[in-house]
Amino acid sequence: MSVERDEGLDALLGLDGETFFVDANGHYRVKFVVKRVKADERKPHGLNYSLTLHDKSGERIVGFDNAHPVPTPGGTGW
């Protein structure tokens, strides 16, 4: 049995470790971390990812990842 490749997931995995400057002066950068993990209920695609924005000193300004479940209205953490 062959497994069909998902080109979208391959593209995301290809971004692992990449850093891109997002302003003309090179003060702000975006960093990608994408790793394969065992697929489960929380991560059915089998990926662990983060996308973070850093300032010129390297401090994280904002980040997105799938390390924690998304809170639901009326649930804890909302």
C-alpha atoms as a PDB file:
ATOM      1  CA  MET A   1       0.000   0.000   0.000  1.00  0.00           C
ATOM      2  CA  SER A   2       1.444   3.381  -0.943  1.00  0.00           C
ATOM      3  CA  VAL A   3       0.928   6.524   1.107  1.00  0.00           C
ATOM      4  CA  GLU A   4      -0.002   9.651  -0.819  1.00  0.00           C
ATOM      5  CA  ARG A   5       2.362  12.552  -0.127  1.00  0.00           C
ATOM      6  CA  ASP A   6       0.897  15.815   1.065  1.00  0.00           C
ATOM      7  CA  GLU A   7       2.775  18.595  -0.745  1.00  0.00           C
ATOM      8  CA  GLY A   8       1.455  21.193   1.727  1.00  0.00           C
ATOM      9  CA  LEU A   9       2.954  19.340   4.688  1.00  0.00           C
ATOM     10  CA  ASP A  10       6.184  18.843   2.744  1.00  0.00           C
ATOM     11  CA  ALA A  11       6.334  22.605   2.118  1.00  0.00           C
ATOM     12  CA  LEU A  12       5.840  23.330   5.834  1.00  0.00           C
ATOM     13  CA  LEU A  13       8.543  20.831   6.807  1.00  0.00           C
ATOM     14  CA  GLY A  14      10.846  22.547   4.322  1.00  0.00           C
ATOM     15  CA  LEU A  15      10.512  25.783   6.326  1.00  0.00           C
ATOM     16  CA  ASP A  16      11.956  24.221   9.499  1.00  0.00           C
ATOM     17  CA  GLY A  17      14.775  26.395  10.795  1.00  0.00           C
ATOM     18  CA  GLU A  18      14.217  29.164   8.237  1.00  0.00           C
ATOM     19  CA  THR A  19      14.403  32.800   9.305  1.00  0.00           C
ATOM     20  CA  PHE A  20      13.185  35.690   7.155  1.00  0.00           C
ATOM     21  CA  PHE A  21      13.657  39.404   7.730  1.00  0.00           C
ATOM     22  CA  VAL A  22      10.352  41.225   7.318  1.00  0.00           C
ATOM     23  CA  ASP A  23      11.448  44.859   7.200  1.00  0.00           C
ATOM     24  CA  ALA A  24      13.894  46.774   5.003  1.00  0.00           C
ATOM     25  CA  ASN A  25      16.240  47.539   7.928  1.00  0.00           C
ATOM     26  CA  GLY A  26      16.515  43.933   9.112  1.00  0.00           C
ATOM     27  CA  HIS A  27      15.153  44.720  12.571  1.00  0.00           C
ATOM     28  CA  TYR A  28      12.327  42.189  12.586  1.00  0.00           C
ATOM     29  CA  ARG A  29      12.488  38.542  11.635  1.00  0.00           C
ATOM     30  CA  VAL A  30      10.130  35.601  11.422  1.00  0.00           C
ATOM     31  CA  LYS A  31      11.357  32.177  12.508  1.00  0.00           C
ATOM     32  CA  PHE A  32       9.813  28.812  11.606  1.00  0.00           C
ATOM     33  CA  VAL A  33      10.184  25.565  13.553  1.00  0.00           C
ATOM     34  CA  VAL A  34       8.365  22.562  12.064  1.00  0.00           C
ATOM     35  CA  LYS A  35       8.935  18.960  13.233  1.00  0.00           C
ATOM     36  CA  ARG A  36       7.275  15.642  12.493  1.00  0.00           C
ATOM     37  CA  VAL A  37       5.661  14.009  15.511  1.00  0.00           C
ATOM     38  CA  LYS A  38       3.461  10.990  15.951  1.00  0.00           C
ATOM     39  CA  ALA A  39      -0.039  11.806  14.694  1.00  0.00           C
ATOM     40  CA  ASP A  40      -2.679  11.819  17.421  1.00  0.00           C
ATOM     41  CA  GLU A  41      -6.032  13.396  18.262  1.00  0.00           C
ATOM     42  CA  ARG A  42      -4.519  16.847  18.893  1.00  0.00           C
ATOM     43  CA  LYS A  43      -2.113  16.730  15.950  1.00  0.00           C
ATOM     44  CA  PRO A  44      -3.749  14.540  13.283  1.00  0.00           C
ATOM     45  CA  HIS A  45      -1.372  15.910  10.631  1.00  0.00           C
ATOM     46  CA  GLY A  46       1.653  14.723  12.653  1.00  0.00           C
ATOM     47  CA  LEU A  47       3.371  18.111  12.856  1.00  0.00           C
ATOM     48  CA  ASN A  48       4.579  20.291  15.710  1.00  0.00           C
ATOM     49  CA  TYR A  49       5.043  23.875  14.545  1.00  0.00           C
ATOM     50  CA  SER A  50       5.753  27.415  15.668  1.00  0.00           C
ATOM     51  CA  LEU A  51       5.939  30.720  13.839  1.00  0.00           C
ATOM     52  CA  THR A  52       7.466  33.566  15.846  1.00  0.00           C
ATOM     53  CA  LEU A  53       8.225  37.235  15.243  1.00  0.00           C
ATOM     54  CA  HIS A  54      11.388  38.648  16.886  1.00  0.00           C
ATOM     55  CA  ASP A  55      12.752  42.187  17.212  1.00  0.00           C
ATOM     56  CA  LYS A  56      16.337  43.244  16.469  1.00  0.00           C
ATOM     57  CA  SER A  57      17.519  42.175  19.938  1.00  0.00           C
ATOM     58  CA  GLY A  58      16.056  38.695  19.383  1.00  0.00           C
ATOM     59  CA  GLU A  59      13.152  39.148  21.802  1.00  0.00           C
ATOM     60  CA  ARG A  60      10.014  37.263  20.811  1.00  0.00           C
ATOM     61  CA  ILE A  61       7.189  39.700  20.085  1.00  0.00           C
ATOM     62  CA  VAL A  62       4.443  37.310  19.031  1.00  0.00           C
ATOM     63  CA  GLY A  63       4.165  33.614  18.276  1.00  0.00           C
ATOM     64  CA  PHE A  64       1.791  30.998  16.977  1.00  0.00           C
ATOM     65  CA  ASP A  65       2.119  27.273  17.598  1.00  0.00           C
ATOM     66  CA  ASN A  66       0.168  24.111  18.152  1.00  0.00           C
ATOM     67  CA  ALA A  67       1.755  23.143  21.467  1.00  0.00           C
ATOM     68  CA  HIS A  68      -1.461  23.680  23.399  1.00  0.00           C
ATOM     69  CA  PRO A  69      -5.106  23.047  22.571  1.00  0.00           C
ATOM     70  CA  VAL A  70      -7.123  26.067  21.486  1.00  0.00           C
ATOM     71  CA  PRO A  71      -9.379  27.270  24.330  1.00  0.00           C
ATOM     72  CA  THR A  72     -13.102  27.117  23.702  1.00  0.00           C
ATOM     73  CA  PRO A  73     -15.647  29.731  24.795  1.00  0.00           C
ATOM     74  CA  GLY A  74     -16.832  28.942  28.312  1.00  0.00           C
ATOM     75  CA  GLY A  75     -13.911  26.559  28.877  1.00  0.00           C
ATOM     76  CA  THR A  76     -10.808  27.070  30.937  1.00  0.00           C
ATOM     77  CA  GLY A  77      -8.358  29.640  29.633  1.00  0.00           C
ATOM     78  CA  TRP A  78     -10.906  31.658  27.670  1.00  0.00           C
END
